[in-house]
Amino acid sequence: MLDRRSFILLAGAAFAAPAARADAGRPVNTLGSTDGVAIRGYDPVAYFRDGGPRLGKPEFSVRHGGATWRFASAEHKALFEAAPERYLPAYGGFCAYGTSRGYLVKIEPEAWSIVDGRLYLNYDTGVRKTWLGATRKYIARAEAGWPNLTAKDIR
């Protein structure tokens, strides 16, 4: 098992998270789901509160941004409902590295990082290693390209 602390990048003074996280109308990663469940059914709050991925449960679900988000507990669901922008993953939950390259792809829940208080998901742990090699550069590229990506860019 990977050390969960190695997944979290602490806030750096040289880079601030984007102030606007308004992703309204943007695509949400429901790849592999026949019923519109986001990020493969994993709880986005768990990354922050539990230090890693946890599968959500159908009884703790919320519709937000055109997708169903699942949570591991009623507490996590309530935290999300109170402040979804705090817990939503960057780029609709698509692979952050892929977004920086101009396309939207699936993620593996174990391939993640938190940078400046924002959750970033990656395609797999190999891509995550690449992502961590130049995170700030990839975030800048993804931020520039994300507004122009649409459902046609899903691969």
Protein backbone atom coordinates (compact mmCIF):
# COMPACT_ATOMS: atom_id res chain seq x y z
CA MET A 1 0.00 0.00 0.00
CA LEU A 2 1.24 3.46 -0.84
CA ASP A 3 1.95 5.97 1.91
CA ARG A 4 -1.04 8.31 1.93
CA ARG A 5 1.05 11.25 3.04
CA SER A 6 3.06 10.99 -0.17
CA PHE A 7 -0.10 11.84 -2.10
CA ILE A 8 -0.68 15.20 -0.48
CA LEU A 9 1.21 18.21 -1.70
CA LEU A 10 1.15 21.06 0.75
CA ALA A 11 0.35 24.57 -0.37
CA GLY A 12 3.33 26.39 -1.79
CA ALA A 13 3.89 30.12 -1.59
CA ALA A 14 4.83 30.30 -5.26
CA PHE A 15 1.42 29.21 -6.54
CA ALA A 16 -2.12 29.96 -5.49
CA ALA A 17 -5.08 27.80 -6.42
CA PRO A 18 -7.37 29.37 -8.98
CA ALA A 19 -9.82 31.71 -7.29
CA ALA A 20 -12.71 30.79 -9.57
CA ARG A 21 -13.84 27.19 -9.50
CA ALA A 22 -17.01 27.82 -11.41
CA ASP A 23 -17.34 24.66 -13.45
CA ALA A 24 -21.07 25.08 -14.02
CA GLY A 25 -22.02 23.54 -17.32
CA ARG A 26 -18.64 21.83 -17.69
CA PRO A 27 -18.40 18.07 -18.25
CA VAL A 28 -18.23 15.79 -15.20
CA ASN A 29 -16.37 12.48 -15.24
CA THR A 30 -19.03 9.78 -15.23
CA LEU A 31 -17.01 7.46 -17.48
CA GLY A 32 -17.85 3.81 -16.89
CA SER A 33 -21.15 4.65 -15.20
CA THR A 34 -24.47 3.83 -16.79
CA ASP A 35 -26.37 5.95 -14.26
CA GLY A 36 -24.31 9.17 -14.17
CA VAL A 37 -22.20 8.50 -11.05
CA ALA A 38 -19.16 10.77 -10.85
CA ILE A 39 -15.55 9.66 -10.33
CA ARG A 40 -16.32 5.94 -10.37
CA GLY A 41 -18.46 6.26 -7.24
CA TYR A 42 -15.66 7.44 -4.97
CA ASP A 43 -16.23 9.95 -2.20
CA PRO A 44 -14.47 13.28 -3.00
CA VAL A 45 -14.66 14.37 0.65
CA ALA A 46 -12.73 11.27 1.79
CA TYR A 47 -9.56 12.47 0.10
CA PHE A 48 -9.56 15.47 2.42
CA ARG A 49 -11.06 14.00 5.59
CA ASP A 50 -9.76 10.41 5.50
CA GLY A 51 -6.48 10.94 3.66
CA GLY A 52 -7.35 8.80 0.66
CA PRO A 53 -9.98 7.29 -1.60
CA ARG A 54 -13.07 5.59 -0.20
CA LEU A 55 -15.89 4.15 -2.20
CA GLY A 56 -19.15 6.00 -1.68
CA LYS A 57 -22.48 4.35 -0.92
CA PRO A 58 -25.70 4.80 -2.92
CA GLU A 59 -27.62 5.74 0.24
CA PHE A 60 -25.34 8.79 0.65
CA SER A 61 -25.77 10.36 -2.80
CA VAL A 62 -26.25 13.92 -4.05
CA ARG A 63 -27.02 15.26 -7.52
CA HIS A 64 -24.69 18.13 -8.37
CA GLY A 65 -23.46 19.54 -11.67
CA GLY A 66 -25.33 17.01 -13.76
CA ALA A 67 -23.87 13.97 -11.98
CA THR A 68 -24.50 11.84 -8.92
CA TRP A 69 -21.81 12.07 -6.24
CA ARG A 70 -21.52 9.32 -3.68
CA PHE A 71 -20.16 9.55 -0.14
CA ALA A 72 -18.89 7.04 2.39
CA SER A 73 -20.95 8.55 5.23
CA ALA A 74 -23.79 10.93 6.02
CA GLU A 75 -21.20 13.30 7.50
CA HIS A 76 -19.26 13.46 4.22
CA LYS A 77 -22.49 14.01 2.29
CA ALA A 78 -23.42 16.92 4.58
CA LEU A 79 -19.97 18.48 4.25
CA PHE A 80 -20.23 18.33 0.46
CA GLU A 81 -23.74 19.76 0.42
CA ALA A 82 -22.59 22.68 2.60
CA ALA A 83 -19.60 23.56 0.38
CA PRO A 84 -19.33 21.50 -2.83
CA GLU A 85 -16.68 23.80 -4.33
CA ARG A 86 -14.34 22.85 -1.49
CA TYR A 87 -14.48 19.14 -2.33
CA LEU A 88 -15.12 18.89 -6.05
CA PRO A 89 -12.10 17.55 -7.93
CA ALA A 90 -10.46 19.79 -10.49
CA TYR A 91 -11.56 19.54 -14.12
CA GLY A 92 -14.81 17.74 -13.44
CA GLY A 93 -12.93 14.77 -12.00
CA PHE A 94 -11.18 13.94 -15.26
CA CYS A 95 -7.47 13.19 -15.27
CA ALA A 96 -5.68 16.45 -14.49
CA TYR A 97 -2.65 15.51 -16.59
CA GLY A 98 -4.90 14.59 -19.54
CA THR A 99 -6.70 17.91 -19.17
CA SER A 100 -3.33 19.68 -19.36
CA ARG A 101 -2.75 17.85 -22.67
CA GLY A 102 -6.14 18.83 -24.13
CA TYR A 103 -8.28 15.77 -23.58
CA LEU A 104 -10.60 14.28 -20.95
CA VAL A 105 -9.97 10.72 -19.74
CA LYS A 106 -10.89 8.37 -16.92
CA ILE A 107 -9.16 8.25 -13.57
CA GLU A 108 -8.06 5.64 -11.08
CA PRO A 109 -9.15 6.68 -7.57
CA GLU A 110 -5.76 5.71 -6.09
CA ALA A 111 -3.94 8.18 -8.38
CA TRP A 112 -4.53 11.53 -6.70
CA SER A 113 -2.98 14.56 -5.08
CA ILE A 114 -4.15 17.62 -3.21
CA VAL A 115 -2.43 20.82 -4.24
CA ASP A 116 -3.25 24.10 -2.52
CA GLY A 117 -6.43 22.63 -1.12
CA ARG A 118 -7.72 21.26 -4.42
CA LEU A 119 -8.17 17.61 -5.38
CA TYR A 120 -6.53 16.45 -8.61
CA LEU A 121 -7.15 12.96 -10.01
CA ASN A 122 -5.01 11.11 -12.54
CA TYR A 123 -5.42 8.35 -15.10
CA ASP A 124 -3.26 5.91 -13.15
CA THR A 125 -0.29 5.89 -10.77
CA GLY A 126 2.19 6.01 -13.66
CA VAL A 127 0.61 9.20 -15.00
CA ARG A 128 0.51 10.48 -11.43
CA LYS A 129 4.31 10.19 -11.25
CA THR A 130 4.59 12.29 -14.41
CA TRP A 131 2.07 14.77 -12.97
CA LEU A 132 4.04 15.13 -9.74
CA GLY A 133 7.22 15.83 -11.71
CA ALA A 134 5.93 19.21 -12.88
CA THR A 135 2.62 19.76 -11.12
CA ARG A 136 2.62 23.55 -11.32
CA LYS A 137 3.31 23.50 -15.05
CA TYR A 138 0.54 20.98 -15.69
CA ILE A 139 -1.95 22.90 -13.55
CA ALA A 140 -1.22 26.09 -15.50
CA ARG A 141 -1.76 24.25 -18.80
CA ALA A 142 -4.92 22.56 -17.57
CA GLU A 143 -6.34 25.85 -16.26
CA ALA A 144 -5.74 27.46 -19.65
CA GLY A 145 -7.30 24.60 -21.62
CA TRP A 146 -10.17 23.46 -19.36
CA PRO A 147 -12.62 26.22 -20.38
CA ASN A 148 -12.38 25.08 -24.01
CA LEU A 149 -12.77 21.34 -23.45
CA THR A 150 -16.16 19.78 -24.11
CA ALA A 151 -17.73 16.33 -24.23
CA LYS A 152 -16.21 15.90 -27.70
CA ASP A 153 -12.77 15.83 -26.03
CA ILE A 154 -13.60 12.76 -23.93
CA ARG A 155 -11.48 9.78 -24.91
